[in-house]
Protein backbone atom coordinates (compact mmCIF):
# COMPACT_ATOMS: atom_id res chain seq x y z
CA UNK A 1 -11.82 -42.38 -11.26
CA UNK A 2 -10.72 -39.71 -8.78
CA UNK A 3 -12.44 -36.38 -8.93
CA UNK A 4 -10.38 -33.50 -10.17
CA UNK A 5 -9.37 -31.15 -7.35
CA UNK A 6 -10.53 -27.63 -8.15
CA UNK A 7 -9.12 -24.63 -6.29
CA UNK A 8 -10.94 -21.32 -6.47
CA UNK A 9 -8.25 -18.72 -6.08
CA UNK A 10 -9.24 -15.08 -6.39
CA UNK A 11 -5.95 -13.47 -7.40
CA UNK A 12 -7.29 -12.79 -10.89
CA UNK A 13 -9.54 -10.17 -9.33
CA UNK A 14 -6.74 -8.13 -7.79
CA UNK A 15 -6.29 -5.76 -10.72
CA UNK A 16 -9.83 -4.40 -10.81
CA UNK A 17 -10.96 -5.19 -7.28
CA UNK A 18 -8.53 -2.78 -5.62
CA UNK A 19 -9.54 0.05 -7.95
CA UNK A 20 -13.24 -0.77 -7.58
CA UNK A 21 -13.17 -0.84 -3.77
CA UNK A 22 -11.11 2.34 -3.58
CA UNK A 23 -13.33 4.16 -6.06
CA UNK A 24 -16.66 3.11 -4.57
CA UNK A 25 -15.71 3.81 -0.97
CA UNK A 26 -14.07 7.11 -1.82
CA UNK A 27 -17.16 8.15 -3.78
CA UNK A 28 -19.46 7.57 -0.83
CA UNK A 29 -17.13 8.95 1.85
CA UNK A 30 -15.92 12.04 -0.03
CA UNK A 31 -19.34 13.09 -1.30
CA UNK A 32 -21.19 12.33 1.93
CA UNK A 33 -18.53 14.13 3.96
CA UNK A 34 -18.69 17.15 1.69
CA UNK A 35 -22.50 17.22 1.90
CA UNK A 36 -22.42 17.00 5.69
CA UNK A 37 -19.74 19.67 5.95
CA UNK A 38 -21.64 22.11 3.74
CA UNK A 39 -24.98 21.27 5.38
CA UNK A 40 -23.54 21.72 8.87
CA UNK A 41 -22.40 25.19 7.83
CA UNK A 42 -26.10 26.08 7.30
CA UNK A 43 -25.82 26.31 3.52
CA UNK A 44 -28.87 26.40 1.28
CA UNK A 45 -30.27 23.25 -0.28
CA UNK A 46 -29.09 24.43 -3.70
CA UNK A 47 -25.54 24.94 -2.46
CA UNK A 48 -25.51 21.47 -0.90
CA UNK A 49 -26.77 19.90 -4.11
CA UNK A 50 -24.19 21.78 -6.19
CA UNK A 51 -21.40 20.65 -3.88
CA UNK A 52 -22.55 17.03 -4.13
CA UNK A 53 -22.71 17.13 -7.92
CA UNK A 54 -19.29 18.78 -8.12
CA UNK A 55 -17.89 16.08 -5.85
CA UNK A 56 -19.26 13.35 -8.12
CA UNK A 57 -17.87 14.80 -11.35
CA UNK A 58 -14.55 16.10 -10.07
CA UNK A 59 -13.93 13.05 -7.92
CA UNK A 60 -14.58 10.59 -10.73
CA UNK A 61 -12.21 12.46 -13.05
CA UNK A 62 -9.59 12.74 -10.35
CA UNK A 63 -9.80 9.04 -9.51
CA UNK A 64 -9.50 8.06 -13.17
CA UNK A 65 -6.50 10.32 -13.76
CA UNK A 66 -4.77 9.28 -10.55
CA UNK A 67 -5.24 5.57 -11.15
CA UNK A 68 -4.14 5.83 -14.78
CA UNK A 69 -0.96 7.73 -13.91
CA UNK A 70 0.02 5.56 -10.94
CA UNK A 71 -0.72 2.22 -12.60
CA UNK A 72 0.97 3.43 -15.81
CA UNK A 73 4.12 4.04 -13.78
CA UNK A 74 3.92 0.47 -12.52
CA UNK A 75 3.37 -0.76 -16.07
CA UNK A 76 6.39 1.23 -17.30
CA UNK A 77 8.55 -0.35 -14.61
CA UNK A 78 7.35 -3.81 -15.59
CA UNK A 79 8.14 -3.15 -19.27
CA UNK A 80 11.59 -1.81 -18.42
CA UNK A 81 12.31 -4.84 -16.23
CA UNK A 82 11.13 -7.14 -19.02
CA UNK A 83 13.54 -5.55 -21.51
CA UNK A 84 16.44 -5.84 -19.06
CA UNK A 85 15.63 -9.51 -18.45
CA UNK A 86 15.32 -10.19 -22.18
CA UNK A 87 18.74 -8.65 -22.79
CA UNK A 88 20.32 -10.68 -19.97
CA UNK A 89 18.88 -13.89 -21.39
CA UNK A 90 20.31 -13.07 -24.80
CA UNK A 91 23.78 -12.19 -23.50
CA UNK A 92 24.21 -14.51 -20.49
CA UNK A 93 21.96 -17.52 -20.76
CA UNK A 94 24.18 -19.68 -18.55
CA UNK A 95 24.26 -17.09 -15.78
CA UNK A 96 20.49 -16.68 -15.98
CA UNK A 97 20.03 -20.44 -15.71
CA UNK A 98 22.22 -20.47 -12.62
CA UNK A 99 20.27 -17.57 -11.14
CA UNK A 100 16.93 -19.29 -11.69
CA UNK A 101 18.22 -22.56 -10.25
CA UNK A 102 19.41 -20.74 -7.11
CA UNK A 103 15.92 -19.31 -6.66
CA UNK A 104 14.45 -22.81 -6.67
CA UNK A 105 17.10 -24.04 -4.25
CA UNK A 106 16.10 -21.29 -1.81
CA UNK A 107 12.50 -22.46 -2.18
CA UNK A 108 13.41 -25.97 -1.05
CA UNK A 109 14.50 -27.97 -4.12
CA UNK A 110 17.74 -29.90 -4.19
CA UNK A 111 20.48 -28.34 -6.35
CA UNK A 112 20.18 -31.12 -8.95
CA UNK A 113 16.41 -30.87 -9.22
CA UNK A 114 16.56 -27.06 -9.25
CA UNK A 115 18.95 -27.11 -12.21
CA UNK A 116 16.72 -29.54 -14.08
CA UNK A 117 13.57 -27.50 -13.38
CA UNK A 118 15.30 -24.27 -14.42
CA UNK A 119 16.53 -25.92 -17.62
CA UNK A 120 13.09 -27.22 -18.60
CA UNK A 121 11.32 -23.97 -17.81
CA UNK A 122 13.85 -21.94 -19.77
CA UNK A 123 13.48 -24.27 -22.74
CA UNK A 124 9.73 -23.76 -22.59
CA UNK A 125 9.68 -19.99 -22.04
CA UNK A 126 12.79 -18.48 -20.48
CA UNK A 127 11.55 -14.92 -20.28
CA UNK A 128 8.25 -15.89 -18.66
CA UNK A 129 10.03 -18.07 -16.09
CA UNK A 130 12.41 -15.29 -15.06
CA UNK A 131 9.75 -12.61 -14.94
CA UNK A 132 7.51 -14.77 -12.79
CA UNK A 133 10.01 -16.38 -10.43
CA UNK A 134 12.76 -13.76 -10.30
CA UNK A 135 10.77 -10.52 -10.51
CA UNK A 136 7.25 -11.56 -9.53
CA UNK A 137 5.70 -10.30 -12.77
CA UNK A 138 2.87 -12.46 -14.11
CA UNK A 139 -0.06 -12.06 -16.47
CA UNK A 140 -2.53 -12.33 -13.59
CA UNK A 141 -1.00 -9.50 -11.56
CA UNK A 142 0.19 -7.33 -14.46
CA UNK A 143 -0.60 -3.61 -14.26
CA UNK A 144 -3.53 -2.51 -16.45
CA UNK A 145 -3.78 1.31 -16.35
CA UNK A 146 -6.89 1.75 -18.49
CA UNK A 147 -8.82 -0.92 -16.62
CA UNK A 148 -7.91 0.68 -13.29
CA UNK A 149 -8.85 4.17 -14.50
CA UNK A 150 -12.24 3.19 -15.89
CA UNK A 151 -13.08 1.03 -12.88
CA UNK A 152 -12.16 3.79 -10.43
CA UNK A 153 -14.16 6.47 -12.28
CA UNK A 154 -17.29 4.35 -12.61
CA UNK A 155 -17.25 3.03 -9.07
CA UNK A 156 -16.53 6.47 -7.62
CA UNK A 157 -19.48 7.92 -9.54
CA UNK A 158 -21.75 5.07 -8.41
CA UNK A 159 -20.72 5.63 -4.80
CA UNK A 160 -21.12 9.41 -4.98
CA UNK A 161 -24.53 9.09 -6.64
CA UNK A 162 -26.10 7.59 -3.50
CA UNK A 163 -25.57 10.54 -1.14
CA UNK A 164 -26.42 12.87 -4.04
CA UNK A 165 -29.77 11.14 -4.58
CA UNK A 166 -30.41 11.30 -0.86
CA UNK A 167 -30.00 15.08 -0.96
CA UNK A 168 -32.56 15.24 -3.78
CA UNK A 169 -35.27 13.39 -1.86
CA UNK A 170 -34.52 14.18 1.79
CA UNK A 171 -36.44 16.89 3.62
CA UNK A 172 -34.02 19.72 4.54
CA UNK A 173 -34.70 19.26 8.26
CA UNK A 174 -33.57 15.61 8.14
CA UNK A 175 -30.93 15.87 5.41
CA UNK A 176 -27.87 15.43 7.63
CA UNK A 177 -29.33 12.41 9.44
CA UNK A 178 -30.53 10.69 6.26
CA UNK A 179 -27.29 11.25 4.34
CA UNK A 180 -25.33 9.90 7.31
CA UNK A 181 -27.47 6.78 7.71
CA UNK A 182 -27.69 5.98 3.99
CA UNK A 183 -23.96 6.49 3.48
CA UNK A 184 -22.93 4.37 6.45
CA UNK A 185 -25.29 1.56 5.48
CA UNK A 186 -23.98 1.61 1.91
CA UNK A 187 -20.37 1.67 3.09
CA UNK A 188 -21.01 -1.32 5.36
CA UNK A 189 -22.60 -3.30 2.55
CA UNK A 190 -19.85 -2.37 0.09
CA UNK A 191 -17.18 -3.35 2.59
CA UNK A 192 -18.84 -6.72 3.10
CA UNK A 193 -19.22 -7.35 -0.65
CA UNK A 194 -15.62 -6.34 -1.37
CA UNK A 195 -14.35 -8.63 1.39
CA UNK A 196 -16.45 -11.49 0.04
CA UNK A 197 -15.17 -10.91 -3.51
CA UNK A 198 -11.61 -10.97 -2.24
CA UNK A 199 -12.09 -14.04 -0.06
CA UNK A 200 -11.56 -12.10 3.19
CA UNK A 201 -13.60 -11.81 6.38
CA UNK A 202 -16.95 -10.15 5.60
CA UNK A 203 -17.36 -8.77 9.13
CA UNK A 204 -13.86 -7.32 9.26
CA UNK A 205 -14.21 -5.78 5.82
CA UNK A 206 -17.54 -4.19 6.68
CA UNK A 207 -16.41 -2.81 10.04
CA UNK A 208 -13.18 -1.41 8.60
CA UNK A 209 -15.02 0.69 6.03
CA UNK A 210 -17.82 1.65 8.44
CA UNK A 211 -15.46 2.98 11.12
CA UNK A 212 -13.29 5.03 8.78
CA UNK A 213 -16.32 6.34 6.90
CA UNK A 214 -18.03 7.47 10.10
CA UNK A 215 -14.82 9.11 11.29
CA UNK A 216 -14.35 11.06 8.02
CA UNK A 217 -17.95 12.23 7.92
CA UNK A 218 -17.94 13.20 11.59
CA UNK A 219 -14.76 15.28 11.26
CA UNK A 220 -16.01 17.05 8.14
CA UNK A 221 -19.40 17.81 9.66
CA UNK A 222 -17.68 19.18 12.75
CA UNK A 223 -15.47 21.47 10.68
CA UNK A 224 -18.48 22.67 8.68
CA UNK A 225 -20.42 23.43 11.85
CA UNK A 226 -17.47 25.27 13.38
CA UNK A 227 -16.81 27.47 10.36
CA UNK A 228 -20.52 28.04 9.77
CA UNK A 229 -20.83 29.30 13.32
CA UNK A 230 -17.76 31.52 13.04
CA UNK A 231 -18.87 33.04 9.73
């Protein structure tokens, strides 16, 4: 008996993975950059700690709100498109069958086979067939606002907590160096893990996050130093 061929696709992770990666990386980069900018301006340890804590709380709330609003807009569009498609199926079933068959012809099926496939799929679940093959809306890739909001908030907070904890334990004289090193190491590891979870190149994912993180922190530290000197 032939072994069953199993394929491990990772598209089911798209909904939460994007929000998780964005939230975690933004938490580390935003908070570490803010800490470095304030520290470079010769602020007190208390001011640096306050800025880091504010970044964690405000950033997590902002990420949650932003994700919920943006993904809700996508969800609203999907619902509106679903209602339009449902109405078209109720009022012009023949035209919808022809439309679906044409889609399959463009994908390589013969006209006869395309008509037969469209007929069978519409008999099984017409709305699902049209949403998936005509509009690209499927259960796997469907927008989930609450999931995205919660994931973004939690991952942002977890990312921001690392530079914040570094501020708590680092000697003031070495604070900038330690926050920089810890943040860049964490960003590299997170980039690698995210790439692995998404089935992409681990090295490319790690380097991408590392380079942009270092750039953001360097620019912010430079601005903090400049304004601290001027003031």
